[in-house]
Amino acid sequence: MRQGELKGLFEKNGALLSGHFKLSSGLHSDTYFQAALILQYPIEAARLAEELAKRIEENNIKTDVVVSPALGGVIIGHEMGRALNARAIFTERVDGKVSLRRGFSINKGEKVLVVEDVITTGLSTKEVIDSLKPVGAEVVAVVSLVDRSAGKVDFGVPRFSLLSLEVKSFKEDECPICKAGSIAVKPGSRK
């Protein structure tokens, strides 16, 4: 799948939004990718996961388990597990800390693929990786549907995205959209 094709899929499904947004990172942006609007269609979610899985297989990266952060990465993570014939689990934030719950566990030495829907600063992805270190997991790669940093975030492992582009983000106190009088909305809470 070419980058333009994925961008078109986001646009077709109303999943590429323009306006004034407060991202989960706390940054503000005039562009938001709402991957859930595409992932609600199981056939599209499977197709996107298969495209990402091809990149993992082409690079001979072995995967025992796929780990995604809740909530955004759960659907694409599950589909990646299916595409790679690997277990698919997720982390959750508890008292501000990312961790495995619900009886999920990883055995020492298992090869882990971290799967995200959209990466902006990479903070949540790094938190997932850090939460897996104490159990002895071996993180082998990071994949995402969209990389808003255009590859600038380093996770210390190979990374792959279907769409990689630099989208401007601003600290709230430096946001030119705020300075123009606009109020940021948090995507997901929109009607």
N, C-alpha and C. Protein backbone atom coordinates (compact mmCIF):
# COMPACT_ATOMS: atom_id res chain seq x y z
N MET A 1 0.85 -1.18 0.00
CA MET A 1 0.00 0.00 0.00
C MET A 1 0.90 1.24 0.00
N ARG A 2 0.66 2.10 -0.93
CA ARG A 2 1.42 3.35 -1.01
C ARG A 2 0.89 4.34 0.02
N GLN A 3 1.77 5.29 0.41
CA GLN A 3 1.38 6.29 1.41
C GLN A 3 0.16 7.08 0.96
N GLY A 4 0.11 7.45 -0.32
CA GLY A 4 -1.02 8.20 -0.82
C GLY A 4 -2.33 7.43 -0.71
N GLU A 5 -2.24 6.12 -0.90
CA GLU A 5 -3.43 5.28 -0.80
C GLU A 5 -3.97 5.27 0.63
N LEU A 6 -3.07 5.18 1.61
CA LEU A 6 -3.51 5.18 3.01
C LEU A 6 -4.08 6.55 3.38
N LYS A 7 -3.42 7.61 2.94
CA LYS A 7 -3.94 8.95 3.23
C LYS A 7 -5.33 9.11 2.62
N GLY A 8 -5.51 8.59 1.41
CA GLY A 8 -6.83 8.63 0.77
C GLY A 8 -7.86 7.84 1.55
N LEU A 9 -7.46 6.70 2.11
CA LEU A 9 -8.37 5.88 2.93
C LEU A 9 -8.79 6.66 4.17
N PHE A 10 -7.85 7.36 4.80
CA PHE A 10 -8.18 8.19 5.96
C PHE A 10 -9.17 9.29 5.54
N GLU A 11 -8.91 9.95 4.43
CA GLU A 11 -9.78 11.03 3.97
C GLU A 11 -11.18 10.50 3.64
N LYS A 12 -11.24 9.38 2.92
CA LYS A 12 -12.51 8.79 2.51
C LYS A 12 -13.39 8.44 3.72
N ASN A 13 -12.77 8.02 4.81
CA ASN A 13 -13.51 7.60 6.00
C ASN A 13 -13.68 8.71 7.03
N GLY A 14 -13.32 9.93 6.66
CA GLY A 14 -13.45 11.04 7.59
C GLY A 14 -12.50 10.91 8.78
N ALA A 15 -11.40 10.20 8.58
CA ALA A 15 -10.46 9.91 9.67
C ALA A 15 -9.25 10.83 9.65
N LEU A 16 -9.16 11.70 8.66
CA LEU A 16 -8.11 12.72 8.61
C LEU A 16 -8.82 14.04 8.83
N LEU A 17 -8.66 14.59 10.01
CA LEU A 17 -9.41 15.77 10.41
C LEU A 17 -8.54 17.02 10.39
N SER A 18 -9.14 18.14 10.03
CA SER A 18 -8.46 19.44 10.08
C SER A 18 -9.23 20.32 11.05
N GLY A 19 -8.50 21.11 11.80
CA GLY A 19 -9.13 21.99 12.79
C GLY A 19 -8.11 22.40 13.83
N HIS A 20 -8.50 22.32 15.10
CA HIS A 20 -7.63 22.67 16.22
C HIS A 20 -7.82 21.60 17.28
N PHE A 21 -6.77 20.78 17.47
CA PHE A 21 -6.90 19.60 18.31
C PHE A 21 -5.88 19.57 19.43
N LYS A 22 -6.30 19.05 20.58
CA LYS A 22 -5.38 18.74 21.67
C LYS A 22 -5.14 17.25 21.60
N LEU A 23 -3.89 16.87 21.33
CA LEU A 23 -3.52 15.47 21.17
C LEU A 23 -3.33 14.81 22.53
N SER A 24 -3.30 13.49 22.56
CA SER A 24 -3.10 12.78 23.82
C SER A 24 -1.75 13.12 24.45
N SER A 25 -0.80 13.58 23.64
CA SER A 25 0.51 14.00 24.14
C SER A 25 0.44 15.34 24.87
N GLY A 26 -0.70 16.05 24.73
CA GLY A 26 -0.84 17.38 25.30
C GLY A 26 -0.53 18.47 24.29
N LEU A 27 0.11 18.10 23.19
CA LEU A 27 0.43 19.05 22.13
C LEU A 27 -0.83 19.44 21.37
N HIS A 28 -0.75 20.57 20.68
CA HIS A 28 -1.85 21.02 19.83
C HIS A 28 -1.44 20.85 18.37
N SER A 29 -2.42 20.63 17.50
CA SER A 29 -2.15 20.45 16.08
C SER A 29 -3.37 20.86 15.28
N ASP A 30 -3.14 21.16 13.99
CA ASP A 30 -4.26 21.46 13.10
C ASP A 30 -4.70 20.22 12.32
N THR A 31 -4.02 19.09 12.58
CA THR A 31 -4.31 17.83 11.88
C THR A 31 -4.44 16.70 12.87
N TYR A 32 -5.46 15.86 12.68
CA TYR A 32 -5.66 14.72 13.56
C TYR A 32 -6.04 13.49 12.73
N PHE A 33 -5.40 12.38 13.06
CA PHE A 33 -5.72 11.10 12.42
C PHE A 33 -6.56 10.30 13.41
N GLN A 34 -7.81 10.03 13.06
CA GLN A 34 -8.71 9.24 13.90
C GLN A 34 -8.79 7.83 13.31
N ALA A 35 -7.76 7.02 13.58
CA ALA A 35 -7.63 5.69 12.99
C ALA A 35 -8.83 4.80 13.29
N ALA A 36 -9.50 5.03 14.41
CA ALA A 36 -10.65 4.20 14.77
C ALA A 36 -11.73 4.22 13.70
N LEU A 37 -11.83 5.33 12.96
CA LEU A 37 -12.86 5.42 11.92
C LEU A 37 -12.58 4.49 10.75
N ILE A 38 -11.34 4.09 10.57
CA ILE A 38 -11.01 3.08 9.55
C ILE A 38 -11.04 1.70 10.17
N LEU A 39 -10.50 1.58 11.38
CA LEU A 39 -10.40 0.27 12.04
C LEU A 39 -11.75 -0.30 12.44
N GLN A 40 -12.80 0.51 12.39
CA GLN A 40 -14.15 -0.01 12.69
C GLN A 40 -14.62 -0.99 11.61
N TYR A 41 -13.94 -0.98 10.47
CA TYR A 41 -14.26 -1.89 9.38
C TYR A 41 -13.27 -3.05 9.40
N PRO A 42 -13.68 -4.23 9.86
CA PRO A 42 -12.76 -5.35 10.02
C PRO A 42 -11.96 -5.69 8.76
N ILE A 43 -12.57 -5.58 7.59
CA ILE A 43 -11.83 -5.91 6.36
C ILE A 43 -10.69 -4.92 6.15
N GLU A 44 -10.93 -3.63 6.39
CA GLU A 44 -9.87 -2.63 6.25
C GLU A 44 -8.80 -2.84 7.31
N ALA A 45 -9.21 -3.12 8.56
CA ALA A 45 -8.24 -3.34 9.63
C ALA A 45 -7.34 -4.53 9.30
N ALA A 46 -7.93 -5.60 8.78
CA ALA A 46 -7.14 -6.78 8.41
C ALA A 46 -6.19 -6.45 7.26
N ARG A 47 -6.66 -5.70 6.29
CA ARG A 47 -5.82 -5.35 5.13
C ARG A 47 -4.63 -4.49 5.57
N LEU A 48 -4.86 -3.53 6.46
CA LEU A 48 -3.79 -2.68 6.95
C LEU A 48 -2.77 -3.49 7.75
N ALA A 49 -3.28 -4.39 8.59
CA ALA A 49 -2.38 -5.25 9.38
C ALA A 49 -1.55 -6.15 8.47
N GLU A 50 -2.15 -6.66 7.43
CA GLU A 50 -1.40 -7.52 6.50
C GLU A 50 -0.29 -6.73 5.81
N GLU A 51 -0.55 -5.46 5.49
CA GLU A 51 0.49 -4.62 4.89
C GLU A 51 1.65 -4.41 5.86
N LEU A 52 1.32 -4.13 7.12
CA LEU A 52 2.38 -3.97 8.13
C LEU A 52 3.11 -5.29 8.37
N ALA A 53 2.37 -6.39 8.39
CA ALA A 53 2.99 -7.70 8.61
C ALA A 53 3.99 -8.04 7.50
N LYS A 54 3.69 -7.63 6.28
CA LYS A 54 4.63 -7.85 5.17
C LYS A 54 5.98 -7.22 5.47
N ARG A 55 5.96 -6.03 6.05
CA ARG A 55 7.22 -5.33 6.37
C ARG A 55 8.01 -6.09 7.43
N ILE A 56 7.30 -6.66 8.39
CA ILE A 56 7.97 -7.44 9.44
C ILE A 56 8.57 -8.71 8.83
N GLU A 57 7.80 -9.38 8.01
CA GLU A 57 8.27 -10.63 7.38
C GLU A 57 9.41 -10.37 6.41
N GLU A 58 9.33 -9.30 5.61
CA GLU A 58 10.39 -8.96 4.66
C GLU A 58 11.73 -8.68 5.36
N ASN A 59 11.65 -8.25 6.61
CA ASN A 59 12.85 -7.95 7.39
C ASN A 59 13.24 -9.09 8.33
N ASN A 60 12.60 -10.24 8.13
CA ASN A 60 12.90 -11.45 8.92
C ASN A 60 12.86 -11.20 10.43
N ILE A 61 11.87 -10.45 10.86
CA ILE A 61 11.69 -10.18 12.29
C ILE A 61 10.71 -11.20 12.85
N LYS A 62 11.19 -12.01 13.76
CA LYS A 62 10.36 -13.04 14.39
C LYS A 62 9.59 -12.41 15.55
N THR A 63 8.31 -12.79 15.67
CA THR A 63 7.44 -12.22 16.69
C THR A 63 6.69 -13.33 17.41
N ASP A 64 6.78 -13.32 18.75
CA ASP A 64 6.01 -14.26 19.56
C ASP A 64 4.70 -13.64 20.04
N VAL A 65 4.77 -12.34 20.35
CA VAL A 65 3.60 -11.66 20.90
C VAL A 65 3.58 -10.21 20.43
N VAL A 66 2.38 -9.74 20.13
CA VAL A 66 2.13 -8.34 19.75
C VAL A 66 1.58 -7.64 20.99
N VAL A 67 2.14 -6.47 21.31
CA VAL A 67 1.66 -5.69 22.44
C VAL A 67 1.30 -4.30 21.95
N SER A 68 0.11 -3.83 22.33
CA SER A 68 -0.38 -2.51 21.93
C SER A 68 -0.83 -1.75 23.16
N PRO A 69 -0.76 -0.43 23.10
CA PRO A 69 -1.34 0.36 24.19
C PRO A 69 -2.85 0.49 24.00
N ALA A 70 -3.58 0.36 25.10
CA ALA A 70 -5.01 0.61 25.04
C ALA A 70 -5.21 2.12 25.02
N LEU A 71 -6.01 2.64 24.31
CA LEU A 71 -7.11 2.04 23.59
C LEU A 71 -6.83 2.04 22.09
N GLY A 72 -6.09 3.03 21.64
CA GLY A 72 -5.91 3.22 20.21
C GLY A 72 -5.26 2.08 19.46
N GLY A 73 -4.35 1.36 20.09
CA GLY A 73 -3.62 0.31 19.40
C GLY A 73 -4.25 -1.07 19.47
N VAL A 74 -5.32 -1.23 20.22
CA VAL A 74 -5.88 -2.57 20.46
C VAL A 74 -6.35 -3.25 19.19
N ILE A 75 -7.13 -2.57 18.37
CA ILE A 75 -7.68 -3.22 17.18
C ILE A 75 -6.59 -3.57 16.18
N ILE A 76 -5.71 -2.62 15.85
CA ILE A 76 -4.66 -2.92 14.88
C ILE A 76 -3.69 -3.94 15.47
N GLY A 77 -3.46 -3.91 16.77
CA GLY A 77 -2.61 -4.91 17.42
C GLY A 77 -3.19 -6.30 17.30
N HIS A 78 -4.49 -6.42 17.51
CA HIS A 78 -5.15 -7.72 17.39
C HIS A 78 -5.04 -8.25 15.96
N GLU A 79 -5.27 -7.36 15.00
CA GLU A 79 -5.17 -7.78 13.60
C GLU A 79 -3.73 -8.13 13.22
N MET A 80 -2.75 -7.44 13.80
CA MET A 80 -1.35 -7.79 13.55
C MET A 80 -1.05 -9.17 14.12
N GLY A 81 -1.59 -9.47 15.29
CA GLY A 81 -1.42 -10.81 15.86
C GLY A 81 -1.96 -11.87 14.93
N ARG A 82 -3.12 -11.61 14.36
CA ARG A 82 -3.72 -12.55 13.41
C ARG A 82 -2.83 -12.71 12.17
N ALA A 83 -2.36 -11.59 11.63
CA ALA A 83 -1.55 -11.62 10.41
C ALA A 83 -0.21 -12.32 10.61
N LEU A 84 0.33 -12.23 11.83
CA LEU A 84 1.63 -12.84 12.12
C LEU A 84 1.53 -14.16 12.88
N ASN A 85 0.30 -14.61 13.13
CA ASN A 85 0.06 -15.83 13.89
C ASN A 85 0.77 -15.76 15.25
N ALA A 86 0.56 -14.64 15.95
CA ALA A 86 1.16 -14.41 17.25
C ALA A 86 0.07 -14.01 18.24
N ARG A 87 0.34 -14.19 19.53
CA ARG A 87 -0.59 -13.70 20.55
C ARG A 87 -0.67 -12.18 20.44
N ALA A 88 -1.82 -11.62 20.79
CA ALA A 88 -2.01 -10.17 20.77
C ALA A 88 -2.59 -9.75 22.11
N ILE A 89 -1.82 -8.93 22.84
CA ILE A 89 -2.27 -8.44 24.14
C ILE A 89 -2.09 -6.93 24.17
N PHE A 90 -2.52 -6.29 25.27
CA PHE A 90 -2.40 -4.84 25.34
C PHE A 90 -2.06 -4.40 26.76
N THR A 91 -1.50 -3.20 26.82
CA THR A 91 -1.20 -2.57 28.10
C THR A 91 -2.29 -1.56 28.41
N GLU A 92 -2.38 -1.23 29.69
CA GLU A 92 -3.32 -0.21 30.13
C GLU A 92 -2.61 0.71 31.11
N ARG A 93 -3.12 1.91 31.24
CA ARG A 93 -2.57 2.86 32.20
C ARG A 93 -3.31 2.70 33.52
N VAL A 94 -2.56 2.42 34.58
CA VAL A 94 -3.13 2.28 35.91
C VAL A 94 -2.38 3.24 36.83
N ASP A 95 -3.11 4.16 37.45
CA ASP A 95 -2.50 5.17 38.31
C ASP A 95 -1.34 5.87 37.61
N GLY A 96 -1.53 6.18 36.33
CA GLY A 96 -0.55 6.91 35.56
C GLY A 96 0.60 6.08 35.01
N LYS A 97 0.60 4.77 35.29
CA LYS A 97 1.70 3.92 34.84
C LYS A 97 1.18 2.84 33.87
N VAL A 98 1.90 2.65 32.77
CA VAL A 98 1.53 1.65 31.77
C VAL A 98 1.95 0.27 32.27
N SER A 99 1.02 -0.68 32.18
CA SER A 99 1.34 -2.04 32.62
C SER A 99 0.42 -3.07 31.97
N LEU A 100 0.84 -4.32 32.06
CA LEU A 100 0.00 -5.44 31.62
C LEU A 100 -1.00 -5.73 32.72
N ARG A 101 -2.23 -6.01 32.36
CA ARG A 101 -3.30 -6.35 33.31
C ARG A 101 -4.08 -7.53 32.75
N ARG A 102 -5.21 -7.83 33.35
CA ARG A 102 -6.17 -8.83 32.88
C ARG A 102 -5.57 -10.22 32.75
N GLY A 103 -4.51 -10.49 33.48
CA GLY A 103 -3.87 -11.80 33.41
C GLY A 103 -2.89 -11.95 32.27
N PHE A 104 -2.68 -10.88 31.48
CA PHE A 104 -1.70 -10.94 30.40
C PHE A 104 -0.31 -11.05 30.99
N SER A 105 0.53 -11.85 30.35
CA SER A 105 1.92 -11.95 30.78
C SER A 105 2.80 -12.24 29.57
N ILE A 106 4.07 -11.98 29.76
CA ILE A 106 5.06 -12.26 28.73
C ILE A 106 6.19 -13.03 29.39
N ASN A 107 6.62 -14.09 28.76
CA ASN A 107 7.72 -14.89 29.29
C ASN A 107 9.05 -14.25 28.93
N LYS A 108 10.01 -14.44 29.81
CA LYS A 108 11.36 -13.92 29.57
C LYS A 108 11.86 -14.42 28.21
N GLY A 109 12.38 -13.49 27.41
CA GLY A 109 12.94 -13.83 26.11
C GLY A 109 11.95 -13.86 24.96
N GLU A 110 10.65 -13.71 25.25
CA GLU A 110 9.70 -13.67 24.13
C GLU A 110 9.95 -12.43 23.29
N LYS A 111 9.82 -12.61 21.98
CA LYS A 111 10.04 -11.53 21.02
C LYS A 111 8.74 -10.75 20.84
N VAL A 112 8.81 -9.45 21.14
CA VAL A 112 7.62 -8.61 21.18
C VAL A 112 7.65 -7.57 20.07
N LEU A 113 6.54 -7.45 19.38
CA LEU A 113 6.31 -6.40 18.40
C LEU A 113 5.33 -5.41 19.02
N VAL A 114 5.73 -4.14 19.14
CA VAL A 114 4.84 -3.12 19.69
C VAL A 114 4.11 -2.47 18.52
N VAL A 115 2.78 -2.43 18.62
CA VAL A 115 1.93 -1.94 17.53
C VAL A 115 1.07 -0.77 18.01
N GLU A 116 1.13 0.32 17.26
CA GLU A 116 0.37 1.54 17.53
C GLU A 116 -0.51 1.89 16.35
N ASP A 117 -1.54 2.69 16.59
CA ASP A 117 -2.30 3.23 15.47
C ASP A 117 -1.58 4.47 14.93
N VAL A 118 -1.33 5.46 15.79
CA VAL A 118 -0.68 6.70 15.38
C VAL A 118 0.42 7.06 16.37
N ILE A 119 1.60 7.39 15.86
CA ILE A 119 2.70 7.86 16.71
C ILE A 119 2.89 9.34 16.45
N THR A 120 2.94 10.12 17.56
CA THR A 120 3.22 11.55 17.45
C THR A 120 4.57 11.84 18.09
N THR A 121 4.63 11.79 19.42
CA THR A 121 5.90 12.01 20.13
C THR A 121 6.60 10.70 20.44
N GLY A 122 5.85 9.59 20.39
CA GLY A 122 6.40 8.28 20.73
C GLY A 122 6.35 7.98 22.22
N LEU A 123 5.81 8.89 23.03
CA LEU A 123 5.81 8.70 24.47
C LEU A 123 5.07 7.43 24.89
N SER A 124 3.85 7.21 24.40
CA SER A 124 3.11 6.02 24.83
C SER A 124 3.80 4.75 24.36
N THR A 125 4.40 4.79 23.18
CA THR A 125 5.13 3.62 22.69
C THR A 125 6.33 3.34 23.58
N LYS A 126 7.06 4.37 23.95
CA LYS A 126 8.21 4.21 24.85
C LYS A 126 7.77 3.68 26.21
N GLU A 127 6.62 4.13 26.69
CA GLU A 127 6.10 3.64 27.97
C GLU A 127 5.77 2.15 27.88
N VAL A 128 5.21 1.72 26.75
CA VAL A 128 4.93 0.29 26.56
C VAL A 128 6.24 -0.49 26.58
N ILE A 129 7.23 -0.01 25.82
CA ILE A 129 8.53 -0.70 25.77
C ILE A 129 9.13 -0.78 27.18
N ASP A 130 9.12 0.32 27.90
CA ASP A 130 9.69 0.35 29.25
C ASP A 130 8.95 -0.59 30.20
N SER A 131 7.64 -0.75 30.01
CA SER A 131 6.87 -1.62 30.90
C SER A 131 7.19 -3.10 30.66
N LEU A 132 7.76 -3.42 29.49
CA LEU A 132 8.06 -4.81 29.15
C LEU A 132 9.46 -5.24 29.58
N LYS A 133 10.34 -4.29 29.81
CA LYS A 133 11.73 -4.61 30.18
C LYS A 133 11.82 -5.43 31.47
N PRO A 134 11.08 -5.07 32.53
CA PRO A 134 11.23 -5.83 33.78
C PRO A 134 10.85 -7.32 33.67
N VAL A 135 10.02 -7.67 32.70
CA VAL A 135 9.63 -9.08 32.55
C VAL A 135 10.57 -9.82 31.61
N GLY A 136 11.57 -9.14 31.06
CA GLY A 136 12.56 -9.79 30.21
C GLY A 136 12.13 -9.98 28.77
N ALA A 137 11.13 -9.21 28.33
CA ALA A 137 10.71 -9.31 26.94
C ALA A 137 11.77 -8.71 26.03
N GLU A 138 11.86 -9.21 24.81
CA GLU A 138 12.77 -8.66 23.82
C GLU A 138 11.95 -7.93 22.76
N VAL A 139 11.93 -6.61 22.84
CA VAL A 139 11.19 -5.82 21.86
C VAL A 139 12.00 -5.83 20.57
N VAL A 140 11.38 -6.34 19.48
CA VAL A 140 12.10 -6.53 18.22
C VAL A 140 11.80 -5.46 17.18
N ALA A 141 10.68 -4.75 17.31
CA ALA A 141 10.33 -3.70 16.35
C ALA A 141 9.09 -2.95 16.85
N VAL A 142 8.87 -1.79 16.25
CA VAL A 142 7.67 -0.99 16.49
C VAL A 142 7.02 -0.74 15.14
N VAL A 143 5.71 -0.90 15.05
CA VAL A 143 4.98 -0.57 13.82
C VAL A 143 3.78 0.31 14.17
N SER A 144 3.39 1.12 13.19
CA SER A 144 2.21 1.96 13.35
C SER A 144 1.57 2.18 11.99
N LEU A 145 0.30 2.50 12.01
CA LEU A 145 -0.36 2.88 10.77
C LEU A 145 0.20 4.22 10.30
N VAL A 146 0.26 5.18 11.24
CA VAL A 146 0.70 6.53 10.91
C VAL A 146 1.82 6.95 11.85
N ASP A 147 2.85 7.56 11.29
CA ASP A 147 3.93 8.15 12.06
C ASP A 147 3.92 9.64 11.76
N ARG A 148 3.41 10.43 12.70
CA ARG A 148 3.31 11.89 12.53
C ARG A 148 4.67 12.58 12.68
N SER A 149 5.69 11.84 13.15
CA SER A 149 7.01 12.46 13.38
C SER A 149 7.93 12.32 12.18
N ALA A 150 7.47 11.67 11.12
CA ALA A 150 8.28 11.42 9.92
C ALA A 150 9.57 10.69 10.25
N GLY A 151 9.48 9.74 11.19
CA GLY A 151 10.62 8.89 11.52
C GLY A 151 11.60 9.50 12.49
N LYS A 152 11.27 10.62 13.09
CA LYS A 152 12.21 11.31 13.99
C LYS A 152 12.32 10.67 15.37
N VAL A 153 11.31 9.91 15.79
CA VAL A 153 11.35 9.29 17.11
C VAL A 153 12.15 7.98 17.03
N ASP A 154 13.11 7.83 17.93
CA ASP A 154 13.96 6.63 17.95
C ASP A 154 13.54 5.74 19.11
N PHE A 155 13.20 4.50 18.79
CA PHE A 155 12.82 3.54 19.82
C PHE A 155 13.93 2.53 20.11
N GLY A 156 15.03 2.64 19.40
CA GLY A 156 16.14 1.71 19.61
C GLY A 156 15.95 0.36 18.96
N VAL A 157 14.89 0.23 18.16
CA VAL A 157 14.59 -0.99 17.41
C VAL A 157 14.07 -0.58 16.04
N PRO A 158 14.04 -1.48 15.08
CA PRO A 158 13.46 -1.12 13.77
C PRO A 158 12.02 -0.64 13.93
N ARG A 159 11.61 0.26 13.05
CA ARG A 159 10.24 0.76 13.08
C ARG A 159 9.70 0.86 11.66
N PHE A 160 8.42 0.63 11.54
CA PHE A 160 7.77 0.63 10.23
C PHE A 160 6.40 1.29 10.36
N SER A 161 6.04 2.10 9.38
CA SER A 161 4.72 2.73 9.34
C SER A 161 4.21 2.69 7.91
N LEU A 162 2.90 2.65 7.77
CA LEU A 162 2.31 2.70 6.43
C LEU A 162 2.29 4.12 5.90
N LEU A 163 2.15 5.10 6.79
CA LEU A 163 2.12 6.50 6.39
C LEU A 163 3.03 7.27 7.34
N SER A 164 4.05 7.89 6.80
CA SER A 164 5.01 8.65 7.60
C SER A 164 5.10 10.06 7.04
N LEU A 165 4.74 11.03 7.85
CA LEU A 165 4.81 12.41 7.43
C LEU A 165 4.96 13.30 8.66
N GLU A 166 5.51 14.47 8.44
CA GLU A 166 5.67 15.39 9.56
C GLU A 166 4.46 16.30 9.62
N VAL A 167 3.77 16.22 10.74
CA VAL A 167 2.60 17.06 10.98
C VAL A 167 2.97 17.99 12.12
N LYS A 168 2.81 19.27 11.92
CA LYS A 168 3.20 20.24 12.94
C LYS A 168 2.37 20.08 14.20
N SER A 169 3.08 20.11 15.32
CA SER A 169 2.46 20.09 16.64
C SER A 169 3.08 21.20 17.46
N PHE A 170 2.31 21.74 18.40
CA PHE A 170 2.76 22.88 19.18
C PHE A 170 2.48 22.68 20.66
N LYS A 171 3.36 23.19 21.51
CA LYS A 171 3.05 23.26 22.93
C LYS A 171 1.90 24.24 23.06
N GLU A 172 1.03 23.99 24.04
CA GLU A 172 -0.17 24.82 24.18
C GLU A 172 0.16 26.31 24.26
N ASP A 173 1.19 26.67 25.03
CA ASP A 173 1.50 28.10 25.20
C ASP A 173 2.20 28.70 23.98
N GLU A 174 2.56 27.87 22.99
CA GLU A 174 3.18 28.37 21.76
C GLU A 174 2.29 28.15 20.54
N CYS A 175 1.08 27.67 20.74
CA CYS A 175 0.19 27.30 19.64
C CYS A 175 -0.35 28.55 18.92
N PRO A 176 -0.02 28.69 17.63
CA PRO A 176 -0.53 29.85 16.88
C PRO A 176 -2.04 29.81 16.69
N ILE A 177 -2.62 28.62 16.73
CA ILE A 177 -4.08 28.50 16.55
C ILE A 177 -4.78 29.03 17.80
N CYS A 178 -4.21 28.72 18.99
CA CYS A 178 -4.75 29.26 20.24
C CYS A 178 -4.62 30.78 20.24
N LYS A 179 -3.46 31.27 19.81
CA LYS A 179 -3.21 32.71 19.79
C LYS A 179 -4.17 33.44 18.85
N ALA A 180 -4.71 32.71 17.86
CA ALA A 180 -5.69 33.30 16.94
C ALA A 180 -7.10 33.26 17.53
N GLY A 181 -7.22 32.70 18.76
CA GLY A 181 -8.52 32.71 19.44
C GLY A 181 -9.30 31.41 19.38
N SER A 182 -8.77 30.40 18.76
CA SER A 182 -9.46 29.12 18.65
C SER A 182 -9.25 28.29 19.92
N ILE A 183 -10.23 27.48 20.25
CA ILE A 183 -10.13 26.58 21.40
C ILE A 183 -9.96 25.16 20.89
N ALA A 184 -8.95 24.48 21.39
CA ALA A 184 -8.64 23.11 20.94
C ALA A 184 -9.70 22.14 21.45
N VAL A 185 -10.01 21.16 20.62
CA VAL A 185 -10.92 20.08 21.04
C VAL A 185 -10.10 18.79 21.14
N LYS A 186 -10.56 17.91 22.03
CA LYS A 186 -9.91 16.61 22.18
C LYS A 186 -10.65 15.63 21.28
N PRO A 187 -9.98 15.11 20.26
CA PRO A 187 -10.64 14.13 19.38
C PRO A 187 -11.10 12.92 20.19
N GLY A 188 -12.13 12.31 19.69
CA GLY A 188 -12.71 11.18 20.41
C GLY A 188 -13.88 11.64 21.26
N SER A 189 -13.83 12.90 21.71
CA SER A 189 -14.93 13.44 22.49
C SER A 189 -15.86 14.26 21.59
N ARG A 190 -15.49 14.32 20.30
CA ARG A 190 -16.30 15.08 19.34
C ARG A 190 -17.54 14.28 18.95
N LYS A 191 -18.58 14.98 18.60
CA LYS A 191 -19.80 14.33 18.15
C LYS A 191 -19.91 14.48 16.66
